[in-house]
Amino acid sequence: DTVQLKSELNGSTVAVSLGQPLPEENSFMVFGANAGRPVARSAVSFTSFDGAADGSPLTYGAKLVVNFSALELGGAKAVLASCPSSRTVLSTQLVNKQDVYMLRLDEGQKIPYDAAWELQSQDNDQRVCSQGDPVPVGAAFVLIHCATGKRLAGVMLTMPSAFGMEHGVCAHTYVPMGKVNKLLREKNGRPTSQHICRAETTENYWTAEYA
């Protein structure tokens, strides 16, 4: 199914700007476009990275490829990818976080691990027990970059694109920074939360809106 990947923070949708290529070959800038009527640059579909059959339900814990499926690229594929900033400087240098970009793959070219994302529940408490469960329609979720563990994020910072000022998109795990009633527990070496790790904040929450 074709959907739009919508940020819970700012309401923008992940969209590519083909008029803004990056120094890396076959890479293009990605932004958070103002939500509205679906267009080719913001229409995406999910396929399995592990080779599950097309048409399988979207499930928690699945490794996915996010495809810009409505773009006409003469047989080539366009996928959402990310890589550490130490490897190259790409689209999110103004956001100063790990890069996220659209990668064009020639026909028959293998999808790299840089384009693999793991879908997990928004609720930290439910992640272990929900593995393999179908994702409810309209439910918010988190997309984790498989190669680096960073979460796909939409931010309030705006950047100039070929379509005007649009929100930045990056790969970074945003967590609450507060220390209320936690300093004493840290001093005594006790856990500050019942979770193994801190839950993400709204920057990392996304929904799939059907186009």
Protein backbone atom coordinates (compact mmCIF):
# COMPACT_ATOMS: atom_id res chain seq x y z
CA ASP A 1 0.00 0.00 0.00
CA THR A 2 1.09 3.57 -0.68
CA VAL A 3 1.24 5.79 2.40
CA GLN A 4 2.75 9.04 3.64
CA LEU A 5 5.20 8.86 6.56
CA LYS A 6 3.95 11.60 8.88
CA SER A 7 5.83 13.11 11.84
CA GLU A 8 3.92 13.24 15.12
CA LEU A 9 5.98 16.28 16.17
CA ASN A 10 5.37 18.75 13.34
CA GLY A 11 2.83 17.04 11.07
CA SER A 12 5.16 17.04 8.07
CA THR A 13 5.64 14.07 5.73
CA VAL A 14 8.95 12.59 4.58
CA ALA A 15 9.58 13.82 1.03
CA VAL A 16 12.48 13.83 -1.42
CA SER A 17 13.73 16.76 -3.46
CA LEU A 18 15.09 15.34 -6.72
CA GLY A 19 16.26 18.81 -7.72
CA GLN A 20 18.78 18.82 -4.87
CA PRO A 21 21.34 16.05 -5.44
CA LEU A 22 24.04 15.42 -2.85
CA PRO A 23 27.80 14.98 -3.31
CA GLU A 24 27.42 11.22 -2.87
CA GLU A 25 26.45 9.55 -6.15
CA ASN A 26 22.72 8.82 -6.58
CA SER A 27 21.79 10.52 -3.29
CA PHE A 28 19.19 13.27 -2.88
CA MET A 29 18.04 15.50 -0.04
CA VAL A 30 15.06 14.53 2.11
CA PHE A 31 12.82 16.97 4.01
CA GLY A 32 9.68 17.07 6.11
CA ALA A 33 7.17 18.53 3.63
CA ASN A 34 4.02 20.33 4.70
CA ALA A 35 1.29 17.73 5.03
CA GLY A 36 -1.42 17.88 2.42
CA ARG A 37 -2.57 16.08 -0.69
CA PRO A 38 -0.25 13.12 -1.44
CA VAL A 39 2.29 13.78 -4.18
CA ALA A 40 4.93 11.57 -5.78
CA ARG A 41 7.80 12.97 -3.70
CA SER A 42 6.12 12.02 -0.41
CA ALA A 43 4.40 8.75 -1.37
CA VAL A 44 6.16 5.72 0.13
CA SER A 45 5.59 2.00 0.51
CA PHE A 46 7.10 -0.61 2.82
CA THR A 47 8.74 -3.84 1.66
CA SER A 48 10.55 -6.47 3.69
CA PHE A 49 14.34 -6.24 3.87
CA ASP A 50 14.52 -9.93 4.80
CA GLY A 51 12.59 -11.05 1.73
CA ALA A 52 9.10 -11.65 3.11
CA ALA A 53 6.40 -11.88 0.47
CA ASP A 54 4.90 -8.66 -0.85
CA GLY A 55 1.50 -7.98 0.67
CA SER A 56 2.46 -9.33 4.10
CA PRO A 57 1.01 -7.31 6.99
CA LEU A 58 3.16 -4.66 8.64
CA THR A 59 4.38 -6.11 11.95
CA TYR A 60 6.38 -4.92 14.94
CA GLY A 61 10.02 -5.98 14.84
CA ALA A 62 10.09 -6.35 11.05
CA LYS A 63 13.07 -5.10 9.06
CA LEU A 64 11.73 -2.86 6.33
CA VAL A 65 12.77 -0.87 3.27
CA VAL A 66 11.02 2.49 2.81
CA ASN A 67 10.50 2.94 -0.93
CA PHE A 68 9.64 6.18 -2.73
CA SER A 69 7.36 4.09 -4.89
CA ALA A 70 5.61 6.80 -6.92
CA LEU A 71 8.75 8.29 -8.50
CA GLU A 72 9.33 7.54 -12.18
CA LEU A 73 13.01 6.63 -12.40
CA GLY A 74 13.11 4.40 -15.45
CA GLY A 75 13.23 1.08 -13.59
CA ALA A 76 15.50 2.27 -10.80
CA LYS A 77 14.47 2.09 -7.14
CA ALA A 78 14.46 4.96 -4.66
CA VAL A 79 14.82 4.10 -0.96
CA LEU A 80 15.19 5.98 2.31
CA ALA A 81 18.71 5.49 3.69
CA SER A 82 21.00 6.81 6.40
CA CYS A 83 24.65 6.67 7.33
CA PRO A 84 26.90 8.04 10.10
CA SER A 85 28.12 11.59 9.62
CA SER A 86 31.71 10.35 9.92
CA ARG A 87 31.36 8.57 6.57
CA THR A 88 30.14 11.50 4.53
CA VAL A 89 28.46 14.89 4.78
CA LEU A 90 25.01 14.72 3.27
CA SER A 91 21.58 16.23 3.67
CA THR A 92 21.29 16.92 7.39
CA GLN A 93 24.43 18.96 7.96
CA LEU A 94 22.27 21.90 9.08
CA VAL A 95 20.47 19.67 11.59
CA ASN A 96 23.90 18.43 12.79
CA LYS A 97 22.67 14.86 13.28
CA GLN A 98 23.09 11.56 11.43
CA ASP A 99 22.25 11.92 7.76
CA VAL A 100 19.02 10.73 6.13
CA TYR A 101 18.64 10.84 2.35
CA MET A 102 17.05 9.20 -0.68
CA LEU A 103 19.28 6.64 -2.37
CA ARG A 104 18.70 5.73 -6.01
CA LEU A 105 19.47 2.11 -6.87
CA ASP A 106 19.92 0.92 -10.45
CA GLU A 107 17.77 -1.94 -11.67
CA GLY A 108 18.99 -5.20 -10.14
CA GLN A 109 21.24 -3.47 -7.60
CA LYS A 110 21.16 -5.02 -4.12
CA ILE A 111 19.57 -2.93 -1.38
CA PRO A 112 22.34 -1.96 1.09
CA TYR A 113 22.02 -2.32 4.87
CA ASP A 114 22.06 1.48 5.06
CA ALA A 115 18.46 1.31 3.78
CA ALA A 116 17.17 -1.18 6.39
CA TRP A 117 14.82 0.10 9.13
CA GLU A 118 13.25 -1.79 12.04
CA LEU A 119 9.69 -0.91 13.02
CA GLN A 120 8.93 -0.90 16.75
CA SER A 121 6.03 0.11 18.98
CA GLN A 122 5.87 3.66 20.31
CA ASP A 123 5.35 2.16 23.80
CA ASN A 124 8.61 0.93 25.34
CA ASP A 125 6.70 -1.40 27.70
CA GLN A 126 5.13 -3.28 24.79
CA ARG A 127 8.14 -3.79 22.53
CA VAL A 128 9.17 -7.25 23.69
CA CYS A 129 5.68 -8.75 23.86
CA SER A 130 4.47 -7.14 20.61
CA GLN A 131 7.13 -8.63 18.31
CA GLY A 132 5.43 -10.08 15.24
CA ASP A 133 2.05 -8.48 15.97
CA PRO A 134 0.37 -6.49 13.17
CA VAL A 135 0.61 -2.71 13.46
CA PRO A 136 -2.86 -1.21 14.04
CA VAL A 137 -4.00 1.31 11.43
CA GLY A 138 -3.16 4.84 12.58
CA ALA A 139 -0.87 3.71 15.42
CA ALA A 140 2.31 5.71 16.03
CA PHE A 141 5.57 3.79 15.74
CA VAL A 142 9.35 4.20 15.81
CA LEU A 143 11.68 3.45 12.87
CA ILE A 144 15.15 2.34 13.97
CA HIS A 145 18.04 2.44 11.51
CA CYS A 146 19.37 -1.12 11.58
CA ALA A 147 23.02 -0.26 10.86
CA THR A 148 23.42 2.38 13.58
CA GLY A 149 20.49 2.01 16.01
CA LYS A 150 19.46 5.64 15.54
CA ARG A 151 15.76 6.53 15.26
CA LEU A 152 14.25 8.34 12.30
CA ALA A 153 13.39 11.84 13.55
CA GLY A 154 11.51 14.90 12.39
CA VAL A 155 12.58 18.21 13.90
CA MET A 156 11.11 21.70 14.19
CA LEU A 157 14.14 23.27 12.49
CA THR A 158 13.29 24.37 8.95
CA MET A 159 15.66 24.27 5.97
CA PRO A 160 15.45 25.73 2.45
CA SER A 161 14.36 23.24 -0.21
CA ALA A 162 13.28 23.53 -3.84
CA PHE A 163 9.71 23.73 -2.50
CA GLY A 164 10.28 26.45 0.09
CA MET A 165 11.14 26.16 3.78
CA GLU A 166 10.60 22.60 5.03
CA HIS A 167 11.36 20.72 8.23
CA GLY A 168 14.57 18.78 8.72
CA VAL A 169 14.68 14.97 8.84
CA CYS A 170 17.54 13.10 10.47
CA ALA A 171 18.45 9.90 12.32
CA HIS A 172 18.84 10.63 16.03
CA THR A 173 17.38 9.15 19.19
CA TYR A 174 15.67 11.90 21.19
CA VAL A 175 15.03 11.07 24.87
CA PRO A 176 13.74 13.08 27.86
CA MET A 177 16.49 15.14 29.44
CA GLY A 178 14.87 15.77 32.83
CA LYS A 179 16.49 14.57 36.08
CA VAL A 180 13.55 15.03 38.48
CA ASN A 181 14.01 12.81 41.57
CA LYS A 182 16.73 10.80 39.83
CA LEU A 183 20.01 12.27 41.06
CA LEU A 184 19.97 10.43 44.39
CA ARG A 185 19.21 7.13 42.69
CA GLU A 186 22.09 7.68 40.26
CA LYS A 187 24.42 8.53 43.17
CA ASN A 188 23.54 5.25 44.88
CA GLY A 189 23.92 3.25 41.68
CA ARG A 190 20.25 2.38 41.45
CA PRO A 191 18.23 2.35 38.19
CA THR A 192 16.35 5.57 37.45
CA SER A 193 13.57 3.87 35.48
CA GLN A 194 11.83 0.52 35.22
CA HIS A 195 12.84 0.46 31.55
CA ILE A 196 16.11 -0.94 30.25
CA CYS A 197 16.48 2.26 28.23
CA ARG A 198 14.75 5.62 28.14
CA ALA A 199 11.74 6.01 25.91
CA GLU A 200 11.97 8.24 22.85
CA THR A 201 10.25 11.61 22.61
CA THR A 202 7.79 12.88 19.99
CA GLU A 203 10.58 13.68 17.49
CA ASN A 204 10.90 9.92 16.86
CA TYR A 205 7.18 9.09 16.50
CA TRP A 206 5.68 8.48 13.05
CA THR A 207 2.39 7.34 11.57
CA ALA A 208 1.56 5.89 8.16
CA GLU A 209 -1.26 7.82 6.52
CA TYR A 210 -2.82 6.11 3.54
CA ALA A 211 -2.46 8.14 0.35
